[in-house]
PDB file of N, CA and C in Angstrom:
ATOM      1  N   UNK A   1       0.849  -1.153   0.000  1.00  0.00           N
ATOM      2  CA  UNK A   1       0.000   0.000   0.000  1.00  0.00           C
ATOM      3  C   UNK A   1       0.903   1.226   0.000  1.00  0.00           C
ATOM      4  N   UNK A   2       0.557   2.179  -0.847  1.00  0.00           N
ATOM      5  CA  UNK A   2       1.319   3.408  -0.971  1.00  0.00           C
ATOM      6  C   UNK A   2       0.370   4.577  -0.731  1.00  0.00           C
ATOM      7  N   UNK A   3       0.800   5.522   0.072  1.00  0.00           N
ATOM      8  CA  UNK A   3       0.014   6.730   0.316  1.00  0.00           C
ATOM      9  C   UNK A   3       0.494   7.808  -0.648  1.00  0.00           C
ATOM     10  N   UNK A   4      -0.423   8.351  -1.414  1.00  0.00           N
ATOM     11  CA  UNK A   4      -0.113   9.366  -2.419  1.00  0.00           C
ATOM     12  C   UNK A   4      -0.912  10.623  -2.147  1.00  0.00           C
ATOM     13  N   UNK A   5      -0.392  11.745  -2.617  1.00  0.00           N
ATOM     14  CA  UNK A   5      -1.170  12.980  -2.514  1.00  0.00           C
ATOM     15  C   UNK A   5      -0.963  13.793  -3.778  1.00  0.00           C
ATOM     16  N   UNK A   6      -1.950  14.563  -4.079  1.00  0.00           N
ATOM     17  CA  UNK A   6      -1.940  15.393  -5.267  1.00  0.00           C
ATOM     18  C   UNK A   6      -1.244  16.722  -4.964  1.00  0.00           C
ATOM     19  N   UNK A   7      -0.578  17.268  -5.960  1.00  0.00           N
ATOM     20  CA  UNK A   7       0.015  18.595  -5.795  1.00  0.00           C
ATOM     21  C   UNK A   7      -1.071  19.651  -5.624  1.00  0.00           C
ATOM     22  N   UNK A   8      -2.247  19.387  -6.191  1.00  0.00           N
ATOM     23  CA  UNK A   8      -3.359  20.338  -6.115  1.00  0.00           C
ATOM     24  C   UNK A   8      -4.030  20.332  -4.745  1.00  0.00           C
ATOM     25  N   UNK A   9      -4.101  19.168  -4.115  1.00  0.00           N
ATOM     26  CA  UNK A   9      -4.740  19.077  -2.795  1.00  0.00           C
ATOM     27  C   UNK A   9      -3.975  18.081  -1.921  1.00  0.00           C
ATOM     28  N   UNK A  10      -2.805  18.474  -1.414  1.00  0.00           N
ATOM     29  CA  UNK A  10      -1.985  17.540  -0.641  1.00  0.00           C
ATOM     30  C   UNK A  10      -2.611  17.111   0.684  1.00  0.00           C
ATOM     31  N   UNK A  11      -3.626  17.819   1.135  1.00  0.00           N
ATOM     32  CA  UNK A  11      -4.265  17.452   2.404  1.00  0.00           C
ATOM     33  C   UNK A  11      -5.250  16.293   2.245  1.00  0.00           C
ATOM     34  N   UNK A  12      -5.511  15.862   1.014  1.00  0.00           N
ATOM     35  CA  UNK A  12      -6.426  14.759   0.760  1.00  0.00           C
ATOM     36  C   UNK A  12      -5.688  13.600   0.086  1.00  0.00           C
ATOM     37  N   UNK A  13      -4.954  12.801   0.866  1.00  0.00           N
ATOM     38  CA  UNK A  13      -4.210  11.693   0.261  1.00  0.00           C
ATOM     39  C   UNK A  13      -5.134  10.560  -0.170  1.00  0.00           C
ATOM     40  N   UNK A  14      -4.607   9.708  -1.018  1.00  0.00           N
ATOM     41  CA  UNK A  14      -5.300   8.492  -1.413  1.00  0.00           C
ATOM     42  C   UNK A  14      -4.281   7.367  -1.397  1.00  0.00           C
ATOM     43  N   UNK A  15      -4.768   6.147  -1.449  1.00  0.00           N
ATOM     44  CA  UNK A  15      -3.919   4.983  -1.266  1.00  0.00           C
ATOM     45  C   UNK A  15      -3.977   4.089  -2.497  1.00  0.00           C
ATOM     46  N   UNK A  16      -2.825   3.570  -2.871  1.00  0.00           N
ATOM     47  CA  UNK A  16      -2.702   2.689  -4.020  1.00  0.00           C
ATOM     48  C   UNK A  16      -2.186   1.340  -3.547  1.00  0.00           C
ATOM     49  N   UNK A  17      -2.871   0.293  -3.948  1.00  0.00           N
ATOM     50  CA  UNK A  17      -2.445  -1.070  -3.637  1.00  0.00           C
ATOM     51  C   UNK A  17      -2.408  -1.866  -4.930  1.00  0.00           C
ATOM     52  N   UNK A  18      -1.317  -2.572  -5.148  1.00  0.00           N
ATOM     53  CA  UNK A  18      -1.193  -3.443  -6.305  1.00  0.00           C
ATOM     54  C   UNK A  18      -1.297  -4.883  -5.809  1.00  0.00           C
ATOM     55  N   UNK A  19      -2.178  -5.662  -6.429  1.00  0.00           N
ATOM     56  CA  UNK A  19      -2.485  -7.000  -5.930  1.00  0.00           C
ATOM     57  C   UNK A  19      -2.352  -8.016  -7.055  1.00  0.00           C
ATOM     58  N   UNK A  20      -1.742  -9.146  -6.722  1.00  0.00           N
ATOM     59  CA  UNK A  20      -1.771 -10.305  -7.618  1.00  0.00           C
ATOM     60  C   UNK A  20      -2.190 -11.490  -6.764  1.00  0.00           C
ATOM     61  N   UNK A  21      -3.387 -11.976  -6.997  1.00  0.00           N
ATOM     62  CA  UNK A  21      -3.940 -13.055  -6.192  1.00  0.00           C
ATOM     63  C   UNK A  21      -3.244 -14.380  -6.436  1.00  0.00           C
ATOM     64  N   UNK A  22      -3.276 -15.254  -5.450  1.00  0.00           N
ATOM     65  CA  UNK A  22      -2.601 -16.548  -5.585  1.00  0.00           C
ATOM     66  C   UNK A  22      -3.299 -17.463  -6.591  1.00  0.00           C
ATOM     67  N   UNK A  23      -2.516 -18.237  -7.340  1.00  0.00           N
ATOM     68  CA  UNK A  23      -3.128 -19.162  -8.297  1.00  0.00           C
ATOM     69  C   UNK A  23      -3.676 -20.430  -7.638  1.00  0.00           C
ATOM     70  N   UNK A  24      -3.190 -20.785  -6.463  1.00  0.00           N
ATOM     71  CA  UNK A  24      -3.627 -22.008  -5.788  1.00  0.00           C
ATOM     72  C   UNK A  24      -4.909 -21.776  -5.003  1.00  0.00           C
ATOM     73  N   UNK A  25      -5.869 -22.648  -5.210  1.00  0.00           N
ATOM     74  CA  UNK A  25      -7.172 -22.520  -4.552  1.00  0.00           C
ATOM     75  C   UNK A  25      -7.038 -22.472  -3.032  1.00  0.00           C
ATOM     76  N   UNK A  26      -6.134 -23.233  -2.475  1.00  0.00           N
ATOM     77  CA  UNK A  26      -5.972 -23.292  -1.028  1.00  0.00           C
ATOM     78  C   UNK A  26      -5.534 -21.980  -0.391  1.00  0.00           C
ATOM     79  N   UNK A  27      -4.927 -21.097  -1.161  1.00  0.00           N
ATOM     80  CA  UNK A  27      -4.445 -19.825  -0.635  1.00  0.00           C
ATOM     81  C   UNK A  27      -5.433 -18.674  -0.829  1.00  0.00           C
ATOM     82  N   UNK A  28      -6.492 -18.907  -1.565  1.00  0.00           N
ATOM     83  CA  UNK A  28      -7.385 -17.811  -1.951  1.00  0.00           C
ATOM     84  C   UNK A  28      -8.187 -17.229  -0.782  1.00  0.00           C
ATOM     85  N   UNK A  29      -8.651 -18.055   0.149  1.00  0.00           N
ATOM     86  CA  UNK A  29      -9.407 -17.522   1.289  1.00  0.00           C
ATOM     87  C   UNK A  29      -8.524 -16.645   2.173  1.00  0.00           C
ATOM     88  N   UNK A  30      -7.284 -17.069   2.402  1.00  0.00           N
ATOM     89  CA  UNK A  30      -6.348 -16.255   3.186  1.00  0.00           C
ATOM     90  C   UNK A  30      -6.050 -14.945   2.455  1.00  0.00           C
ATOM     91  N   UNK A  31      -5.930 -15.014   1.129  1.00  0.00           N
ATOM     92  CA  UNK A  31      -5.709 -13.814   0.323  1.00  0.00           C
ATOM     93  C   UNK A  31      -6.871 -12.832   0.476  1.00  0.00           C
ATOM     94  N   UNK A  32      -8.099 -13.332   0.409  1.00  0.00           N
ATOM     95  CA  UNK A  32      -9.264 -12.456   0.550  1.00  0.00           C
ATOM     96  C   UNK A  32      -9.312 -11.830   1.944  1.00  0.00           C
ATOM     97  N   UNK A  33      -8.927 -12.587   2.961  1.00  0.00           N
ATOM     98  CA  UNK A  33      -8.884 -12.038   4.314  1.00  0.00           C
ATOM     99  C   UNK A  33      -7.821 -10.946   4.415  1.00  0.00           C
ATOM    100  N   UNK A  34      -6.684 -11.158   3.799  1.00  0.00           N
ATOM    101  CA  UNK A  34      -5.633 -10.138   3.799  1.00  0.00           C
ATOM    102  C   UNK A  34      -6.087  -8.890   3.049  1.00  0.00           C
ATOM    103  N   UNK A  35      -6.801  -9.072   1.947  1.00  0.00           N
ATOM    104  CA  UNK A  35      -7.339  -7.937   1.196  1.00  0.00           C
ATOM    105  C   UNK A  35      -8.299  -7.130   2.067  1.00  0.00           C
ATOM    106  N   UNK A  36      -9.152  -7.818   2.827  1.00  0.00           N
ATOM    107  CA  UNK A  36     -10.060  -7.118   3.750  1.00  0.00           C
ATOM    108  C   UNK A  36      -9.273  -6.328   4.791  1.00  0.00           C
ATOM    109  N   UNK A  37      -8.206  -6.935   5.312  1.00  0.00           N
ATOM    110  CA  UNK A  37      -7.385  -6.258   6.319  1.00  0.00           C
ATOM    111  C   UNK A  37      -6.727  -5.005   5.749  1.00  0.00           C
ATOM    112  N   UNK A  38      -6.150  -5.113   4.567  1.00  0.00           N
ATOM    113  CA  UNK A  38      -5.502  -3.959   3.932  1.00  0.00           C
ATOM    114  C   UNK A  38      -6.512  -2.847   3.695  1.00  0.00           C
ATOM    115  N   UNK A  39      -7.682  -3.196   3.198  1.00  0.00           N
ATOM    116  CA  UNK A  39      -8.710  -2.185   2.938  1.00  0.00           C
ATOM    117  C   UNK A  39      -9.182  -1.520   4.225  1.00  0.00           C
ATOM    118  N   UNK A  40      -9.246  -2.279   5.315  1.00  0.00           N
ATOM    119  CA  UNK A  40      -9.700  -1.718   6.591  1.00  0.00           C
ATOM    120  C   UNK A  40      -8.661  -0.794   7.221  1.00  0.00           C
ATOM    121  N   UNK A  41      -7.390  -1.006   6.906  1.00  0.00           N
ATOM    122  CA  UNK A  41      -6.342  -0.200   7.529  1.00  0.00           C
ATOM    123  C   UNK A  41      -6.065   1.108   6.807  1.00  0.00           C
ATOM    124  N   UNK A  42      -6.561   1.258   5.596  1.00  0.00           N
ATOM    125  CA  UNK A  42      -6.342   2.526   4.903  1.00  0.00           C
ATOM    126  C   UNK A  42      -7.682   3.202   4.664  1.00  0.00           C
ATOM    127  N   UNK A  43      -7.736   4.476   4.993  1.00  0.00           N
ATOM    128  CA  UNK A  43      -8.985   5.206   4.757  1.00  0.00           C
ATOM    129  C   UNK A  43      -9.203   5.423   3.258  1.00  0.00           C
ATOM    130  N   UNK A  44     -10.392   5.765   2.917  1.00  0.00           N
ATOM    131  CA  UNK A  44     -10.708   6.050   1.511  1.00  0.00           C
ATOM    132  C   UNK A  44     -10.192   7.424   1.162  1.00  0.00           C
ATOM    133  N   UNK A  45     -10.012   7.746  -0.058  1.00  0.00           N
ATOM    134  CA  UNK A  45     -10.186   6.927  -1.256  1.00  0.00           C
ATOM    135  C   UNK A  45      -8.977   6.030  -1.504  1.00  0.00           C
ATOM    136  N   UNK A  46      -9.242   4.954  -2.213  1.00  0.00           N
ATOM    137  CA  UNK A  46      -8.178   4.010  -2.525  1.00  0.00           C
ATOM    138  C   UNK A  46      -8.359   3.482  -3.946  1.00  0.00           C
ATOM    139  N   UNK A  47      -7.240   3.083  -4.520  1.00  0.00           N
ATOM    140  CA  UNK A  47      -7.234   2.481  -5.844  1.00  0.00           C
ATOM    141  C   UNK A  47      -6.525   1.151  -5.721  1.00  0.00           C
ATOM    142  N   UNK A  48      -7.162   0.091  -6.204  1.00  0.00           N
ATOM    143  CA  UNK A  48      -6.570  -1.238  -6.172  1.00  0.00           C
ATOM    144  C   UNK A  48      -6.377  -1.693  -7.611  1.00  0.00           C
ATOM    145  N   UNK A  49      -5.117  -1.905  -7.990  1.00  0.00           N
ATOM    146  CA  UNK A  49      -4.774  -2.462  -9.295  1.00  0.00           C
ATOM    147  C   UNK A  49      -4.578  -3.947  -9.064  1.00  0.00           C
ATOM    148  N   UNK A  50      -5.323  -4.776  -9.772  1.00  0.00           N
ATOM    149  CA  UNK A  50      -5.317  -6.175  -9.350  1.00  0.00           C
ATOM    150  C   UNK A  50      -5.562  -7.165 -10.470  1.00  0.00           C
ATOM    151  N   UNK A  51      -4.956  -8.321 -10.268  1.00  0.00           N
ATOM    152  CA  UNK A  51      -5.355  -9.547 -10.931  1.00  0.00           C
ATOM    153  C   UNK A  51      -5.662 -10.489  -9.771  1.00  0.00           C
ATOM    154  N   UNK A  52      -6.922 -10.603  -9.433  1.00  0.00           N
ATOM    155  CA  UNK A  52      -7.318 -11.353  -8.251  1.00  0.00           C
ATOM    156  C   UNK A  52      -7.186 -12.863  -8.426  1.00  0.00           C
ATOM    157  N   UNK A  53      -7.100 -13.319  -9.672  1.00  0.00           N
ATOM    158  CA  UNK A  53      -7.088 -14.767  -9.949  1.00  0.00           C
ATOM    159  C   UNK A  53      -8.324 -15.439  -9.356  1.00  0.00           C
ATOM    160  N   UNK A  54      -9.437 -14.723  -9.408  1.00  0.00           N
ATOM    161  CA  UNK A  54     -10.718 -15.239  -8.930  1.00  0.00           C
ATOM    162  C   UNK A  54     -11.792 -14.896  -9.951  1.00  0.00           C
ATOM    163  N   UNK A  55     -12.854 -15.665  -9.949  1.00  0.00           N
ATOM    164  CA  UNK A  55     -13.963 -15.453 -10.867  1.00  0.00           C
ATOM    165  C   UNK A  55     -15.066 -14.689 -10.144  1.00  0.00           C
ATOM    166  N   UNK A  56     -15.491 -13.581 -10.741  1.00  0.00           N
ATOM    167  CA  UNK A  56     -16.557 -12.778 -10.158  1.00  0.00           C
ATOM    168  C   UNK A  56     -17.935 -13.300 -10.570  1.00  0.00           C
ATOM    169  N   UNK A  57     -18.058 -13.673 -11.829  1.00  0.00           N
ATOM    170  CA  UNK A  57     -19.328 -14.215 -12.321  1.00  0.00           C
ATOM    171  C   UNK A  57     -19.045 -15.318 -13.333  1.00  0.00           C
ATOM    172  N   UNK A  58     -20.007 -16.171 -13.513  1.00  0.00           N
ATOM    173  CA  UNK A  58     -19.827 -17.355 -14.357  1.00  0.00           C
ATOM    174  C   UNK A  58     -19.423 -17.008 -15.788  1.00  0.00           C
ATOM    175  N   UNK A  59     -19.884 -15.896 -16.307  1.00  0.00           N
ATOM    176  CA  UNK A  59     -19.549 -15.513 -17.685  1.00  0.00           C
ATOM    177  C   UNK A  59     -18.081 -15.127 -17.841  1.00  0.00           C
ATOM    178  N   UNK A  60     -17.366 -14.920 -16.719  1.00  0.00           N
ATOM    179  CA  UNK A  60     -15.939 -14.615 -16.780  1.00  0.00           C
ATOM    180  C   UNK A  60     -15.101 -15.864 -17.039  1.00  0.00           C
ATOM    181  N   UNK A  61     -15.709 -17.019 -16.937  1.00  0.00           N
ATOM    182  CA  UNK A  61     -14.999 -18.295 -17.057  1.00  0.00           C
ATOM    183  C   UNK A  61     -15.246 -18.891 -18.441  1.00  0.00           C
ATOM    184  N   UNK A  62     -14.195 -19.442 -19.036  1.00  0.00           N
ATOM    185  CA  UNK A  62     -14.328 -19.989 -20.386  1.00  0.00           C
ATOM    186  C   UNK A  62     -14.836 -21.427 -20.401  1.00  0.00           C
ATOM    187  N   UNK A  63     -14.899 -22.066 -19.235  1.00  0.00           N
ATOM    188  CA  UNK A  63     -15.457 -23.419 -19.181  1.00  0.00           C
ATOM    189  C   UNK A  63     -16.454 -23.484 -18.024  1.00  0.00           C
ATOM    190  N   UNK A  64     -17.107 -24.585 -17.854  1.00  0.00           N
ATOM    191  CA  UNK A  64     -18.152 -24.705 -16.848  1.00  0.00           C
ATOM    192  C   UNK A  64     -17.677 -25.076 -15.454  1.00  0.00           C
ATOM    193  N   UNK A  65     -16.369 -25.217 -15.259  1.00  0.00           N
ATOM    194  CA  UNK A  65     -15.842 -25.618 -13.949  1.00  0.00           C
ATOM    195  C   UNK A  65     -15.736 -24.393 -13.045  1.00  0.00           C
ATOM    196  N   UNK A  66     -16.723 -24.216 -12.190  1.00  0.00           N
ATOM    197  CA  UNK A  66     -16.777 -23.060 -11.296  1.00  0.00           C
ATOM    198  C   UNK A  66     -16.691 -23.512  -9.851  1.00  0.00           C
ATOM    199  N   UNK A  67     -16.019 -22.748  -9.056  1.00  0.00           N
ATOM    200  CA  UNK A  67     -15.967 -22.984  -7.617  1.00  0.00           C
ATOM    201  C   UNK A  67     -16.862 -21.907  -6.995  1.00  0.00           C
ATOM    202  N   UNK A  68     -18.125 -22.232  -6.876  1.00  0.00           N
ATOM    203  CA  UNK A  68     -19.127 -21.238  -6.474  1.00  0.00           C
ATOM    204  C   UNK A  68     -18.893 -20.670  -5.070  1.00  0.00           C
ATOM    205  N   UNK A  69     -18.365 -21.476  -4.155  1.00  0.00           N
ATOM    206  CA  UNK A  69     -18.127 -20.937  -2.809  1.00  0.00           C
ATOM    207  C   UNK A  69     -17.022 -19.885  -2.840  1.00  0.00           C
ATOM    208  N   UNK A  70     -15.997 -20.064  -3.677  1.00  0.00           N
ATOM    209  CA  UNK A  70     -14.971 -19.025  -3.816  1.00  0.00           C
ATOM    210  C   UNK A  70     -15.534 -17.787  -4.499  1.00  0.00           C
ATOM    211  N   UNK A  71     -16.409 -17.985  -5.473  1.00  0.00           N
ATOM    212  CA  UNK A  71     -17.057 -16.843  -6.110  1.00  0.00           C
ATOM    213  C   UNK A  71     -17.857 -16.059  -5.074  1.00  0.00           C
ATOM    214  N   UNK A  72     -18.557 -16.774  -4.219  1.00  0.00           N
ATOM    215  CA  UNK A  72     -19.351 -16.149  -3.157  1.00  0.00           C
ATOM    216  C   UNK A  72     -18.445 -15.359  -2.201  1.00  0.00           C
ATOM    217  N   UNK A  73     -17.333 -15.944  -1.800  1.00  0.00           N
ATOM    218  CA  UNK A  73     -16.382 -15.258  -0.914  1.00  0.00           C
ATOM    219  C   UNK A  73     -15.786 -14.027  -1.589  1.00  0.00           C
ATOM    220  N   UNK A  74     -15.517 -14.118  -2.878  1.00  0.00           N
ATOM    221  CA  UNK A  74     -14.986 -12.988  -3.635  1.00  0.00           C
ATOM    222  C   UNK A  74     -16.012 -11.848  -3.666  1.00  0.00           C
ATOM    223  N   UNK A  75     -17.271 -12.185  -3.882  1.00  0.00           N
ATOM    224  CA  UNK A  75     -18.337 -11.167  -3.861  1.00  0.00           C
ATOM    225  C   UNK A  75     -18.376 -10.463  -2.501  1.00  0.00           C
ATOM    226  N   UNK A  76     -18.302 -11.254  -1.429  1.00  0.00           N
ATOM    227  CA  UNK A  76     -18.318 -10.670  -0.085  1.00  0.00           C
ATOM    228  C   UNK A  76     -17.108  -9.769   0.149  1.00  0.00           C
ATOM    229  N   UNK A  77     -15.950 -10.188  -0.310  1.00  0.00           N
ATOM    230  CA  UNK A  77     -14.745  -9.369  -0.135  1.00  0.00           C
ATOM    231  C   UNK A  77     -14.878  -8.047  -0.883  1.00  0.00           C
ATOM    232  N   UNK A  78     -15.418  -8.098  -2.084  1.00  0.00           N
ATOM    233  CA  UNK A  78     -15.615  -6.864  -2.853  1.00  0.00           C
ATOM    234  C   UNK A  78     -16.590  -5.948  -2.132  1.00  0.00           C
ATOM    235  N   UNK A  79     -17.675  -6.509  -1.624  1.00  0.00           N
ATOM    236  CA  UNK A  79     -18.655  -5.703  -0.895  1.00  0.00           C
ATOM    237  C   UNK A  79     -18.060  -5.134   0.390  1.00  0.00           C
ATOM    238  N   UNK A  80     -17.340  -5.967   1.148  1.00  0.00           N
ATOM    239  CA  UNK A  80     -16.774  -5.529   2.430  1.00  0.00           C
ATOM    240  C   UNK A  80     -15.713  -4.459   2.270  1.00  0.00           C
ATOM    241  N   UNK A  81     -14.955  -4.522   1.209  1.00  0.00           N
ATOM    242  CA  UNK A  81     -13.864  -3.576   1.008  1.00  0.00           C
ATOM    243  C   UNK A  81     -14.295  -2.375   0.180  1.00  0.00           C
ATOM    244  N   UNK A  82     -15.513  -2.393  -0.298  1.00  0.00           N
ATOM    245  CA  UNK A  82     -16.075  -1.327  -1.134  1.00  0.00           C
ATOM    246  C   UNK A  82     -15.256  -1.084  -2.398  1.00  0.00           C
ATOM    247  N   UNK A  83     -14.819  -2.184  -3.005  1.00  0.00           N
ATOM    248  CA  UNK A  83     -14.088  -2.080  -4.260  1.00  0.00           C
ATOM    249  C   UNK A  83     -15.056  -1.969  -5.411  1.00  0.00           C
TER     250      UNK A  83
END
């Protein structure tokens, strides 16, 4: 996480986080928990540049093999972190 400020309004900083989610299914829940923690520790506004390595909706997947519980957890993480 990086704290940035504009030359025009330095009193209003914003935060930048770059994320690359784990490719292994076993690490994804811990990753989502860490994402929630990072989002909770920095005030808004924030920008997250990311490849989450997670599926948000079924149409994002090129085949029918979906892990719906991970999709559900990803939805909750997005809602909780206000991304």
